[in-house]
Amino acid sequence: MANRFRGFLPVVIDVETGGFNCRTDALLEIAAVLLEMDDEGLLKRTETIRYHVKPFEGANMEPASMAVNGIDPDHPLRPAIDERDALQRIFREVRLAVREQRCSRAILVGHNAHFDLGFLNEAIERTSIKRNPFHPFSCFDTATACGIGFGQTVLSRAAVAAGLEWDESQAHSASYDAEMTADVFCEVVNRYRDIFELARQKESQQD
């Protein structure tokens, strides 16, 4: 894994939010999907870590966004935890995965990744978390990768084009969207495995 991504460990992140403004709108759900590489060099997803998040004090929640994600932040059975707690729990698992796979740092993978990275970075700043395992500005965007690999940039269409099943009833759940993003990311990376190996061989010959 470390050789494949220059020392970075890709970790898929998806957030459900109260709007599009990462500075003012609530972070309501976050999911992280860990990846690993098998003995044949094929990437696959493993563990999914997901938390419902309590809106930070004064957070904005746009009615249109709430209608799309279907989240009721005040539901008495919603097992939400504070932002800081949710991030620390996820970061603990990510740091462990980084060490186990001999990488130097995690890098966020997301569909329109800068949206998720923006909300993640703002939550980190709000909660004053110091040990962030993710690269602060670099990321892997599956919308771009799927546009190149499958000719589709919408996640649902890209999943179908990749030969995966898409369940619309589960969409806009952080865990489901993160897992589907992970699957299409793995599919793109795996399709380029032979090209990558050829490039590595040429680089070794030049050295």
N, C-alpha and C. Protein backbone atom coordinates (compact mmCIF):
# COMPACT_ATOMS: atom_id res chain seq x y z
N MET A 1 0.83 -1.21 0.00
CA MET A 1 0.00 0.00 0.00
C MET A 1 0.87 1.27 0.00
N ALA A 2 1.89 1.26 0.84
CA ALA A 2 2.74 2.45 0.92
C ALA A 2 3.41 2.75 -0.41
N ASN A 3 3.83 1.69 -1.14
CA ASN A 3 4.46 1.89 -2.44
C ASN A 3 3.47 2.39 -3.49
N ARG A 4 2.23 1.97 -3.37
CA ARG A 4 1.23 2.31 -4.39
C ARG A 4 0.86 3.78 -4.35
N PHE A 5 0.83 4.38 -3.16
CA PHE A 5 0.34 5.77 -3.04
C PHE A 5 1.37 6.68 -2.37
N ARG A 6 2.64 6.43 -2.66
CA ARG A 6 3.72 7.32 -2.18
C ARG A 6 3.69 7.50 -0.66
N GLY A 7 3.41 6.45 0.06
CA GLY A 7 3.42 6.53 1.51
C GLY A 7 2.10 6.93 2.14
N PHE A 8 1.12 7.29 1.32
CA PHE A 8 -0.20 7.68 1.84
C PHE A 8 -1.11 6.46 1.94
N LEU A 9 -1.94 6.45 2.97
CA LEU A 9 -2.98 5.44 3.10
C LEU A 9 -4.32 6.08 2.72
N PRO A 10 -4.95 5.66 1.62
CA PRO A 10 -6.25 6.23 1.28
C PRO A 10 -7.32 5.75 2.26
N VAL A 11 -8.08 6.68 2.77
CA VAL A 11 -9.21 6.40 3.66
C VAL A 11 -10.42 7.14 3.11
N VAL A 12 -11.49 6.41 2.86
CA VAL A 12 -12.68 7.02 2.27
C VAL A 12 -13.51 7.68 3.37
N ILE A 13 -13.85 8.93 3.14
CA ILE A 13 -14.65 9.70 4.09
C ILE A 13 -15.91 10.22 3.40
N ASP A 14 -17.05 10.10 4.08
CA ASP A 14 -18.27 10.75 3.61
C ASP A 14 -18.93 11.43 4.79
N VAL A 15 -19.43 12.63 4.57
CA VAL A 15 -20.14 13.38 5.61
C VAL A 15 -21.55 13.71 5.14
N GLU A 16 -22.46 13.71 6.09
CA GLU A 16 -23.80 14.26 5.85
C GLU A 16 -23.90 15.52 6.68
N THR A 17 -24.42 16.58 6.07
CA THR A 17 -24.33 17.90 6.69
C THR A 17 -25.65 18.65 6.61
N GLY A 18 -25.68 19.78 7.28
CA GLY A 18 -26.86 20.63 7.26
C GLY A 18 -26.85 21.66 6.16
N GLY A 19 -25.93 21.54 5.23
CA GLY A 19 -25.84 22.50 4.13
C GLY A 19 -24.51 22.35 3.42
N PHE A 20 -24.15 23.37 2.62
CA PHE A 20 -22.95 23.30 1.81
C PHE A 20 -21.80 24.15 2.34
N ASN A 21 -22.06 24.95 3.36
CA ASN A 21 -21.03 25.85 3.90
C ASN A 21 -20.37 25.18 5.09
N CYS A 22 -19.12 24.77 4.91
CA CYS A 22 -18.44 24.02 5.96
C CYS A 22 -18.17 24.86 7.21
N ARG A 23 -18.19 26.18 7.08
CA ARG A 23 -17.92 27.04 8.24
C ARG A 23 -19.14 27.27 9.11
N THR A 24 -20.33 27.21 8.50
CA THR A 24 -21.53 27.56 9.26
C THR A 24 -22.51 26.41 9.43
N ASP A 25 -22.44 25.41 8.58
CA ASP A 25 -23.47 24.36 8.57
C ASP A 25 -23.02 23.14 9.37
N ALA A 26 -24.00 22.46 9.93
CA ALA A 26 -23.74 21.37 10.86
C ALA A 26 -23.14 20.15 10.18
N LEU A 27 -22.22 19.51 10.88
CA LEU A 27 -21.77 18.16 10.53
C LEU A 27 -22.66 17.19 11.31
N LEU A 28 -23.40 16.34 10.59
CA LEU A 28 -24.42 15.50 11.22
C LEU A 28 -24.08 14.01 11.21
N GLU A 29 -23.33 13.57 10.24
CA GLU A 29 -22.87 12.17 10.19
C GLU A 29 -21.49 12.16 9.56
N ILE A 30 -20.68 11.22 9.99
CA ILE A 30 -19.39 11.01 9.33
C ILE A 30 -19.10 9.52 9.31
N ALA A 31 -18.61 9.04 8.18
CA ALA A 31 -18.23 7.64 8.03
C ALA A 31 -16.86 7.57 7.40
N ALA A 32 -16.07 6.61 7.86
CA ALA A 32 -14.74 6.35 7.31
C ALA A 32 -14.66 4.88 6.93
N VAL A 33 -14.17 4.62 5.73
CA VAL A 33 -13.99 3.25 5.26
C VAL A 33 -12.49 3.01 5.08
N LEU A 34 -11.99 1.99 5.76
CA LEU A 34 -10.58 1.63 5.66
C LEU A 34 -10.37 0.67 4.49
N LEU A 35 -9.21 0.77 3.86
CA LEU A 35 -8.86 -0.04 2.70
C LEU A 35 -7.60 -0.83 2.98
N GLU A 36 -7.46 -1.95 2.28
CA GLU A 36 -6.23 -2.71 2.34
C GLU A 36 -5.96 -3.33 0.99
N MET A 37 -4.73 -3.79 0.80
CA MET A 37 -4.33 -4.39 -0.46
C MET A 37 -4.00 -5.86 -0.23
N ASP A 38 -4.52 -6.73 -1.10
CA ASP A 38 -4.27 -8.16 -0.93
C ASP A 38 -2.93 -8.56 -1.55
N ASP A 39 -2.62 -9.84 -1.50
CA ASP A 39 -1.32 -10.31 -1.96
C ASP A 39 -1.13 -10.14 -3.47
N GLU A 40 -2.23 -9.98 -4.19
CA GLU A 40 -2.14 -9.80 -5.64
C GLU A 40 -2.11 -8.32 -6.03
N GLY A 41 -2.09 -7.45 -5.03
CA GLY A 41 -2.03 -6.03 -5.30
C GLY A 41 -3.37 -5.40 -5.60
N LEU A 42 -4.46 -6.08 -5.25
CA LEU A 42 -5.81 -5.55 -5.49
C LEU A 42 -6.31 -4.86 -4.23
N LEU A 43 -6.88 -3.68 -4.43
CA LEU A 43 -7.39 -2.88 -3.33
C LEU A 43 -8.81 -3.30 -2.99
N LYS A 44 -9.14 -3.34 -1.70
CA LYS A 44 -10.49 -3.69 -1.26
C LYS A 44 -10.80 -2.96 0.04
N ARG A 45 -12.09 -2.78 0.29
CA ARG A 45 -12.48 -2.12 1.54
C ARG A 45 -12.61 -3.15 2.66
N THR A 46 -12.38 -2.66 3.87
CA THR A 46 -12.50 -3.53 5.03
C THR A 46 -13.52 -2.94 6.01
N GLU A 47 -13.04 -2.25 7.04
CA GLU A 47 -13.91 -1.79 8.12
C GLU A 47 -14.56 -0.44 7.80
N THR A 48 -15.83 -0.30 8.19
CA THR A 48 -16.53 0.97 8.11
C THR A 48 -16.78 1.49 9.52
N ILE A 49 -16.40 2.75 9.75
CA ILE A 49 -16.59 3.39 11.06
C ILE A 49 -17.54 4.55 10.85
N ARG A 50 -18.64 4.57 11.57
CA ARG A 50 -19.66 5.59 11.33
C ARG A 50 -20.19 6.14 12.66
N TYR A 51 -20.40 7.47 12.68
CA TYR A 51 -20.98 8.10 13.86
C TYR A 51 -22.00 9.15 13.46
N HIS A 52 -23.10 9.18 14.22
CA HIS A 52 -24.01 10.32 14.18
C HIS A 52 -23.38 11.42 15.04
N VAL A 53 -23.50 12.65 14.58
CA VAL A 53 -22.82 13.76 15.23
C VAL A 53 -23.83 14.80 15.70
N LYS A 54 -23.63 15.29 16.92
CA LYS A 54 -24.47 16.37 17.42
C LYS A 54 -24.06 17.67 16.73
N PRO A 55 -25.02 18.47 16.26
CA PRO A 55 -24.67 19.76 15.66
C PRO A 55 -23.93 20.63 16.67
N PHE A 56 -22.89 21.30 16.21
CA PHE A 56 -22.18 22.21 17.10
C PHE A 56 -23.07 23.40 17.45
N GLU A 57 -22.76 24.05 18.53
CA GLU A 57 -23.59 25.16 19.02
C GLU A 57 -23.67 26.27 17.97
N GLY A 58 -24.88 26.66 17.62
CA GLY A 58 -25.10 27.70 16.63
C GLY A 58 -25.04 27.23 15.19
N ALA A 59 -24.96 25.93 14.99
CA ALA A 59 -24.85 25.39 13.63
C ALA A 59 -26.11 25.66 12.81
N ASN A 60 -25.90 25.97 11.53
CA ASN A 60 -27.01 26.19 10.61
C ASN A 60 -27.42 24.87 9.97
N MET A 61 -28.71 24.69 9.77
CA MET A 61 -29.22 23.50 9.08
C MET A 61 -30.26 23.92 8.06
N GLU A 62 -29.90 23.84 6.79
CA GLU A 62 -30.78 24.27 5.72
C GLU A 62 -31.89 23.24 5.50
N PRO A 63 -33.14 23.69 5.44
CA PRO A 63 -34.26 22.75 5.24
C PRO A 63 -34.09 21.87 4.00
N ALA A 64 -33.56 22.43 2.91
CA ALA A 64 -33.40 21.65 1.69
C ALA A 64 -32.41 20.51 1.89
N SER A 65 -31.33 20.77 2.59
CA SER A 65 -30.34 19.73 2.84
C SER A 65 -30.89 18.66 3.77
N MET A 66 -31.65 19.08 4.77
CA MET A 66 -32.21 18.12 5.72
C MET A 66 -33.25 17.23 5.03
N ALA A 67 -33.94 17.78 4.05
CA ALA A 67 -34.93 16.99 3.31
C ALA A 67 -34.24 15.91 2.48
N VAL A 68 -33.06 16.23 1.96
CA VAL A 68 -32.34 15.27 1.14
C VAL A 68 -31.76 14.14 1.99
N ASN A 69 -31.09 14.48 3.09
CA ASN A 69 -30.44 13.42 3.87
C ASN A 69 -31.39 12.73 4.86
N GLY A 70 -32.56 13.33 5.11
CA GLY A 70 -33.56 12.69 5.95
C GLY A 70 -33.18 12.58 7.41
N ILE A 71 -32.22 13.38 7.86
CA ILE A 71 -31.76 13.32 9.25
C ILE A 71 -32.62 14.21 10.13
N ASP A 72 -33.06 13.68 11.26
CA ASP A 72 -33.73 14.46 12.29
C ASP A 72 -32.77 14.57 13.47
N PRO A 73 -32.04 15.69 13.58
CA PRO A 73 -31.02 15.80 14.63
C PRO A 73 -31.58 15.76 16.05
N ASP A 74 -32.89 15.97 16.19
CA ASP A 74 -33.51 15.98 17.52
C ASP A 74 -34.24 14.68 17.84
N HIS A 75 -34.12 13.69 16.99
CA HIS A 75 -34.83 12.43 17.24
C HIS A 75 -34.30 11.79 18.52
N PRO A 76 -35.19 11.40 19.42
CA PRO A 76 -34.73 10.87 20.73
C PRO A 76 -33.95 9.57 20.62
N LEU A 77 -34.09 8.82 19.53
CA LEU A 77 -33.38 7.55 19.37
C LEU A 77 -32.11 7.69 18.52
N ARG A 78 -31.78 8.90 18.14
CA ARG A 78 -30.57 9.12 17.34
C ARG A 78 -29.34 9.10 18.25
N PRO A 79 -28.43 8.13 18.06
CA PRO A 79 -27.29 7.98 18.98
C PRO A 79 -26.12 8.90 18.63
N ALA A 80 -26.36 10.20 18.71
CA ALA A 80 -25.34 11.16 18.28
C ALA A 80 -24.35 11.45 19.40
N ILE A 81 -23.11 11.72 18.99
CA ILE A 81 -22.06 12.09 19.93
C ILE A 81 -21.46 13.42 19.48
N ASP A 82 -20.68 14.05 20.36
CA ASP A 82 -20.07 15.34 20.05
C ASP A 82 -19.06 15.20 18.91
N GLU A 83 -18.87 16.29 18.18
CA GLU A 83 -17.91 16.31 17.06
C GLU A 83 -16.53 15.82 17.48
N ARG A 84 -16.04 16.36 18.58
CA ARG A 84 -14.68 16.02 19.02
C ARG A 84 -14.56 14.52 19.29
N ASP A 85 -15.56 13.97 19.94
CA ASP A 85 -15.54 12.55 20.27
C ASP A 85 -15.57 11.70 18.99
N ALA A 86 -16.44 12.07 18.05
CA ALA A 86 -16.55 11.33 16.79
C ALA A 86 -15.23 11.35 16.01
N LEU A 87 -14.64 12.53 15.91
CA LEU A 87 -13.39 12.65 15.16
C LEU A 87 -12.26 11.89 15.83
N GLN A 88 -12.17 12.00 17.14
CA GLN A 88 -11.09 11.31 17.85
C GLN A 88 -11.20 9.80 17.71
N ARG A 89 -12.42 9.28 17.75
CA ARG A 89 -12.61 7.84 17.58
C ARG A 89 -12.19 7.38 16.19
N ILE A 90 -12.59 8.15 15.17
CA ILE A 90 -12.20 7.81 13.80
C ILE A 90 -10.70 7.95 13.61
N PHE A 91 -10.13 9.03 14.10
CA PHE A 91 -8.70 9.27 13.92
C PHE A 91 -7.86 8.19 14.61
N ARG A 92 -8.35 7.70 15.73
CA ARG A 92 -7.63 6.63 16.44
C ARG A 92 -7.50 5.39 15.55
N GLU A 93 -8.59 5.02 14.89
CA GLU A 93 -8.57 3.86 14.00
C GLU A 93 -7.74 4.11 12.75
N VAL A 94 -7.80 5.33 12.24
CA VAL A 94 -7.03 5.67 11.04
C VAL A 94 -5.54 5.64 11.35
N ARG A 95 -5.14 6.22 12.48
CA ARG A 95 -3.71 6.20 12.84
C ARG A 95 -3.20 4.77 13.00
N LEU A 96 -4.03 3.91 13.58
CA LEU A 96 -3.65 2.51 13.72
C LEU A 96 -3.45 1.86 12.35
N ALA A 97 -4.37 2.12 11.43
CA ALA A 97 -4.26 1.56 10.08
C ALA A 97 -3.03 2.08 9.35
N VAL A 98 -2.72 3.36 9.54
CA VAL A 98 -1.52 3.94 8.92
C VAL A 98 -0.28 3.20 9.40
N ARG A 99 -0.19 2.96 10.69
CA ARG A 99 0.98 2.25 11.24
C ARG A 99 1.03 0.81 10.73
N GLU A 100 -0.11 0.12 10.75
CA GLU A 100 -0.13 -1.28 10.36
C GLU A 100 0.27 -1.47 8.89
N GLN A 101 -0.09 -0.50 8.05
CA GLN A 101 0.22 -0.63 6.63
C GLN A 101 1.49 0.12 6.23
N ARG A 102 2.24 0.54 7.25
CA ARG A 102 3.56 1.15 7.05
C ARG A 102 3.51 2.38 6.15
N CYS A 103 2.46 3.14 6.32
CA CYS A 103 2.33 4.40 5.58
C CYS A 103 2.76 5.55 6.49
N SER A 104 2.89 6.72 5.91
CA SER A 104 3.32 7.89 6.68
C SER A 104 2.15 8.77 7.10
N ARG A 105 1.07 8.71 6.31
CA ARG A 105 -0.07 9.59 6.60
C ARG A 105 -1.28 9.10 5.82
N ALA A 106 -2.47 9.46 6.31
CA ALA A 106 -3.70 9.14 5.58
C ALA A 106 -4.01 10.25 4.58
N ILE A 107 -4.70 9.88 3.52
CA ILE A 107 -5.19 10.86 2.55
C ILE A 107 -6.66 10.58 2.31
N LEU A 108 -7.46 11.62 2.31
CA LEU A 108 -8.90 11.48 2.19
C LEU A 108 -9.29 11.13 0.76
N VAL A 109 -10.15 10.13 0.64
CA VAL A 109 -10.79 9.78 -0.62
C VAL A 109 -12.27 10.14 -0.49
N GLY A 110 -12.81 10.87 -1.45
CA GLY A 110 -14.22 11.23 -1.36
C GLY A 110 -14.78 11.52 -2.73
N HIS A 111 -16.09 11.47 -2.83
CA HIS A 111 -16.76 11.82 -4.08
C HIS A 111 -17.06 13.31 -4.02
N ASN A 112 -16.38 14.09 -4.88
CA ASN A 112 -16.27 15.54 -4.71
C ASN A 112 -15.58 15.79 -3.37
N ALA A 113 -14.35 15.31 -3.31
CA ALA A 113 -13.63 15.14 -2.05
C ALA A 113 -13.40 16.44 -1.27
N HIS A 114 -13.26 17.56 -1.96
CA HIS A 114 -12.97 18.80 -1.24
C HIS A 114 -14.16 19.24 -0.38
N PHE A 115 -15.36 18.80 -0.72
CA PHE A 115 -16.52 19.07 0.14
C PHE A 115 -16.33 18.38 1.49
N ASP A 116 -16.02 17.08 1.45
CA ASP A 116 -15.83 16.33 2.70
C ASP A 116 -14.60 16.82 3.46
N LEU A 117 -13.53 17.11 2.73
CA LEU A 117 -12.31 17.59 3.38
C LEU A 117 -12.55 18.94 4.05
N GLY A 118 -13.34 19.80 3.41
CA GLY A 118 -13.64 21.10 4.01
C GLY A 118 -14.37 20.97 5.33
N PHE A 119 -15.40 20.10 5.37
CA PHE A 119 -16.13 19.90 6.62
C PHE A 119 -15.25 19.24 7.67
N LEU A 120 -14.40 18.30 7.25
CA LEU A 120 -13.51 17.65 8.20
C LEU A 120 -12.54 18.66 8.81
N ASN A 121 -11.92 19.48 7.97
CA ASN A 121 -10.95 20.46 8.47
C ASN A 121 -11.59 21.50 9.38
N GLU A 122 -12.80 21.94 9.04
CA GLU A 122 -13.49 22.92 9.89
C GLU A 122 -13.83 22.31 11.25
N ALA A 123 -14.26 21.05 11.26
CA ALA A 123 -14.58 20.38 12.53
C ALA A 123 -13.32 20.21 13.37
N ILE A 124 -12.20 19.91 12.72
CA ILE A 124 -10.93 19.79 13.44
C ILE A 124 -10.56 21.11 14.08
N GLU A 125 -10.73 22.19 13.35
CA GLU A 125 -10.40 23.52 13.90
C GLU A 125 -11.34 23.89 15.04
N ARG A 126 -12.64 23.60 14.87
CA ARG A 126 -13.61 23.93 15.94
C ARG A 126 -13.31 23.19 17.23
N THR A 127 -12.87 21.95 17.11
CA THR A 127 -12.68 21.10 18.28
C THR A 127 -11.23 21.10 18.78
N SER A 128 -10.37 21.86 18.11
CA SER A 128 -8.97 22.02 18.52
C SER A 128 -8.23 20.69 18.62
N ILE A 129 -8.54 19.78 17.70
CA ILE A 129 -7.83 18.50 17.66
C ILE A 129 -6.45 18.72 17.04
N LYS A 130 -5.44 18.21 17.70
CA LYS A 130 -4.06 18.44 17.27
C LYS A 130 -3.51 17.32 16.39
N ARG A 131 -3.92 16.11 16.63
CA ARG A 131 -3.33 14.96 15.92
C ARG A 131 -4.26 14.52 14.79
N ASN A 132 -4.18 15.25 13.69
CA ASN A 132 -4.97 14.93 12.51
C ASN A 132 -4.16 14.01 11.60
N PRO A 133 -4.61 12.77 11.37
CA PRO A 133 -3.82 11.85 10.55
C PRO A 133 -3.91 12.12 9.05
N PHE A 134 -4.84 13.00 8.63
CA PHE A 134 -5.07 13.23 7.20
C PHE A 134 -4.21 14.37 6.68
N HIS A 135 -3.84 14.26 5.40
CA HIS A 135 -3.19 15.39 4.73
C HIS A 135 -4.18 16.55 4.73
N PRO A 136 -3.73 17.77 5.07
CA PRO A 136 -4.68 18.87 5.26
C PRO A 136 -5.30 19.43 3.99
N PHE A 137 -4.68 19.20 2.82
CA PHE A 137 -5.28 19.77 1.60
C PHE A 137 -5.28 18.84 0.40
N SER A 138 -4.46 17.83 0.37
CA SER A 138 -4.48 16.88 -0.74
C SER A 138 -5.56 15.83 -0.52
N CYS A 139 -6.13 15.32 -1.61
CA CYS A 139 -7.16 14.29 -1.51
C CYS A 139 -7.28 13.57 -2.85
N PHE A 140 -7.97 12.45 -2.84
CA PHE A 140 -8.30 11.71 -4.06
C PHE A 140 -9.80 11.87 -4.31
N ASP A 141 -10.15 12.41 -5.45
CA ASP A 141 -11.55 12.69 -5.78
C ASP A 141 -12.08 11.63 -6.73
N THR A 142 -13.05 10.85 -6.27
CA THR A 142 -13.59 9.79 -7.13
C THR A 142 -14.51 10.33 -8.21
N ALA A 143 -15.02 11.54 -8.07
CA ALA A 143 -15.80 12.11 -9.17
C ALA A 143 -14.91 12.27 -10.40
N THR A 144 -13.69 12.73 -10.18
CA THR A 144 -12.73 12.86 -11.28
C THR A 144 -12.31 11.47 -11.78
N ALA A 145 -11.97 10.58 -10.83
CA ALA A 145 -11.52 9.25 -11.22
C ALA A 145 -12.59 8.49 -12.00
N CYS A 146 -13.84 8.62 -11.57
CA CYS A 146 -14.93 7.92 -12.27
C CYS A 146 -15.22 8.54 -13.63
N GLY A 147 -15.02 9.85 -13.73
CA GLY A 147 -15.17 10.48 -15.04
C GLY A 147 -14.17 9.93 -16.03
N ILE A 148 -12.94 9.69 -15.56
CA ILE A 148 -11.91 9.12 -16.43
C ILE A 148 -12.16 7.63 -16.67
N GLY A 149 -12.47 6.90 -15.59
CA GLY A 149 -12.56 5.45 -15.70
C GLY A 149 -13.85 4.92 -16.29
N PHE A 150 -14.99 5.62 -15.99
CA PHE A 150 -16.29 5.10 -16.40
C PHE A 150 -17.13 6.07 -17.22
N GLY A 151 -16.64 7.28 -17.40
CA GLY A 151 -17.42 8.27 -18.16
C GLY A 151 -18.60 8.81 -17.39
N GLN A 152 -18.59 8.64 -16.06
CA GLN A 152 -19.68 9.13 -15.21
C GLN A 152 -19.08 9.84 -14.00
N THR A 153 -19.71 10.94 -13.58
CA THR A 153 -19.23 11.67 -12.41
C THR A 153 -20.20 11.63 -11.25
N VAL A 154 -21.46 11.26 -11.48
CA VAL A 154 -22.43 11.08 -10.40
C VAL A 154 -22.18 9.71 -9.78
N LEU A 155 -22.14 9.64 -8.46
CA LEU A 155 -21.75 8.40 -7.79
C LEU A 155 -22.64 7.23 -8.17
N SER A 156 -23.95 7.42 -8.19
CA SER A 156 -24.85 6.32 -8.49
C SER A 156 -24.61 5.79 -9.91
N ARG A 157 -24.43 6.70 -10.86
CA ARG A 157 -24.21 6.28 -12.25
C ARG A 157 -22.84 5.64 -12.42
N ALA A 158 -21.85 6.16 -11.70
CA ALA A 158 -20.51 5.58 -11.77
C ALA A 158 -20.51 4.16 -11.20
N ALA A 159 -21.25 3.96 -10.11
CA ALA A 159 -21.32 2.63 -9.51
C ALA A 159 -21.93 1.63 -10.49
N VAL A 160 -23.01 2.02 -11.16
CA VAL A 160 -23.65 1.14 -12.13
C VAL A 160 -22.71 0.87 -13.31
N ALA A 161 -22.03 1.91 -13.77
CA ALA A 161 -21.09 1.75 -14.89
C ALA A 161 -19.93 0.83 -14.52
N ALA A 162 -19.60 0.80 -13.21
CA ALA A 162 -18.51 -0.06 -12.75
C ALA A 162 -18.97 -1.49 -12.51
N GLY A 163 -20.26 -1.74 -12.71
CA GLY A 163 -20.79 -3.09 -12.52
C GLY A 163 -21.26 -3.37 -11.11
N LEU A 164 -21.46 -2.32 -10.32
CA LEU A 164 -21.91 -2.47 -8.94
C LEU A 164 -23.41 -2.23 -8.85
N GLU A 165 -24.03 -2.74 -7.81
CA GLU A 165 -25.44 -2.48 -7.57
C GLU A 165 -25.60 -1.21 -6.74
N TRP A 166 -26.61 -0.43 -7.07
CA TRP A 166 -26.88 0.82 -6.35
C TRP A 166 -28.27 0.76 -5.74
N ASP A 167 -28.36 0.99 -4.45
CA ASP A 167 -29.63 0.99 -3.73
C ASP A 167 -29.99 2.42 -3.36
N GLU A 168 -30.90 3.03 -4.13
CA GLU A 168 -31.25 4.43 -3.92
C GLU A 168 -31.85 4.67 -2.54
N SER A 169 -32.49 3.64 -1.98
CA SER A 169 -33.12 3.82 -0.66
C SER A 169 -32.09 4.01 0.45
N GLN A 170 -30.85 3.59 0.21
CA GLN A 170 -29.81 3.76 1.23
C GLN A 170 -28.92 4.98 0.97
N ALA A 171 -29.10 5.62 -0.18
CA ALA A 171 -28.27 6.77 -0.52
C ALA A 171 -28.46 7.90 0.47
N HIS A 172 -27.43 8.75 0.59
CA HIS A 172 -27.41 9.89 1.52
C HIS A 172 -27.32 9.45 2.97
N SER A 173 -26.89 8.22 3.18
CA SER A 173 -26.41 7.77 4.47
C SER A 173 -24.89 7.79 4.39
N ALA A 174 -24.22 8.34 5.40
CA ALA A 174 -22.77 8.49 5.33
C ALA A 174 -22.08 7.14 5.12
N SER A 175 -22.55 6.11 5.82
CA SER A 175 -21.89 4.81 5.70
C SER A 175 -22.10 4.20 4.31
N TYR A 176 -23.32 4.28 3.78
CA TYR A 176 -23.57 3.68 2.46
C TYR A 176 -22.81 4.44 1.38
N ASP A 177 -22.88 5.76 1.39
CA ASP A 177 -22.18 6.54 0.37
C ASP A 177 -20.67 6.33 0.46
N ALA A 178 -20.14 6.22 1.69
CA ALA A 178 -18.70 5.99 1.84
C ALA A 178 -18.31 4.62 1.31
N GLU A 179 -19.13 3.61 1.58
CA GLU A 179 -18.81 2.27 1.10
C GLU A 179 -18.89 2.18 -0.42
N MET A 180 -19.87 2.83 -1.02
CA MET A 180 -19.96 2.82 -2.48
C MET A 180 -18.82 3.62 -3.11
N THR A 181 -18.45 4.72 -2.46
CA THR A 181 -17.30 5.49 -2.94
C THR A 181 -16.04 4.64 -2.85
N ALA A 182 -15.90 3.89 -1.77
CA ALA A 182 -14.75 3.00 -1.62
C ALA A 182 -14.73 1.94 -2.72
N ASP A 183 -15.89 1.39 -3.03
CA ASP A 183 -15.96 0.34 -4.05
C ASP A 183 -15.57 0.86 -5.42
N VAL A 184 -16.06 2.05 -5.79
CA VAL A 184 -15.70 2.56 -7.12
C VAL A 184 -14.23 2.99 -7.15
N PHE A 185 -13.73 3.51 -6.04
CA PHE A 185 -12.31 3.86 -5.98
C PHE A 185 -11.44 2.62 -6.16
N CYS A 186 -11.77 1.55 -5.43
CA CYS A 186 -11.02 0.30 -5.57
C CYS A 186 -11.10 -0.22 -6.99
N GLU A 187 -12.26 -0.12 -7.61
CA GLU A 187 -12.43 -0.62 -8.98
C GLU A 187 -11.54 0.14 -9.94
N VAL A 188 -11.48 1.46 -9.81
CA VAL A 188 -10.63 2.26 -10.69
C VAL A 188 -9.16 1.90 -10.46
N VAL A 189 -8.74 1.88 -9.20
CA VAL A 189 -7.34 1.58 -8.89
C VAL A 189 -6.95 0.19 -9.40
N ASN A 190 -7.83 -0.78 -9.19
CA ASN A 190 -7.52 -2.14 -9.61
C ASN A 190 -7.42 -2.28 -11.12
N ARG A 191 -8.22 -1.51 -11.84
CA ARG A 191 -8.15 -1.58 -13.30
C ARG A 191 -6.83 -1.02 -13.84
N TYR A 192 -6.20 -0.15 -13.03
CA TYR A 192 -4.93 0.44 -13.45
C TYR A 192 -3.74 -0.29 -12.84
N ARG A 193 -3.97 -1.43 -12.20
CA ARG A 193 -2.89 -2.14 -11.52
C ARG A 193 -1.74 -2.49 -12.47
N ASP A 194 -2.06 -3.07 -13.62
CA ASP A 194 -1.01 -3.49 -14.55
C ASP A 194 -0.23 -2.30 -15.10
N ILE A 195 -0.94 -1.20 -15.36
CA ILE A 195 -0.28 0.02 -15.85
C ILE A 195 0.68 0.55 -14.80
N PHE A 196 0.23 0.52 -13.54
CA PHE A 196 1.08 0.99 -12.44
C PHE A 196 2.32 0.13 -12.31
N GLU A 197 2.16 -1.18 -12.38
CA GLU A 197 3.30 -2.08 -12.26
C GLU A 197 4.30 -1.87 -13.39
N LEU A 198 3.79 -1.63 -14.59
CA LEU A 198 4.68 -1.37 -15.72
C LEU A 198 5.46 -0.08 -15.50
N ALA A 199 4.78 0.94 -14.97
CA ALA A 199 5.46 2.22 -14.70
C ALA A 199 6.54 2.04 -13.63
N ARG A 200 6.26 1.22 -12.62
CA ARG A 200 7.25 0.96 -11.58
C ARG A 200 8.47 0.25 -12.15
N GLN A 201 8.26 -0.69 -13.05
CA GLN A 201 9.36 -1.41 -13.66
C GLN A 201 10.25 -0.47 -14.48
N LYS A 202 9.62 0.42 -15.23
CA LYS A 202 10.38 1.39 -16.04
C LYS A 202 11.18 2.33 -15.12
N GLU A 203 10.56 2.74 -14.01
CA GLU A 203 11.25 3.62 -13.08
C GLU A 203 12.46 2.91 -12.46
N SER A 204 12.30 1.62 -12.13
CA SER A 204 13.40 0.86 -11.55
C SER A 204 14.56 0.72 -12.53
N GLN A 205 14.22 0.52 -13.79
CA GLN A 205 15.25 0.37 -14.83
C GLN A 205 16.04 1.67 -15.00
N GLN A 206 15.36 2.81 -14.89
CA GLN A 206 16.02 4.10 -15.03
C GLN A 206 16.95 4.38 -13.86
N ASP A 207 16.55 3.89 -12.67
CA ASP A 207 17.39 4.09 -11.48
C ASP A 207 18.67 3.24 -11.57
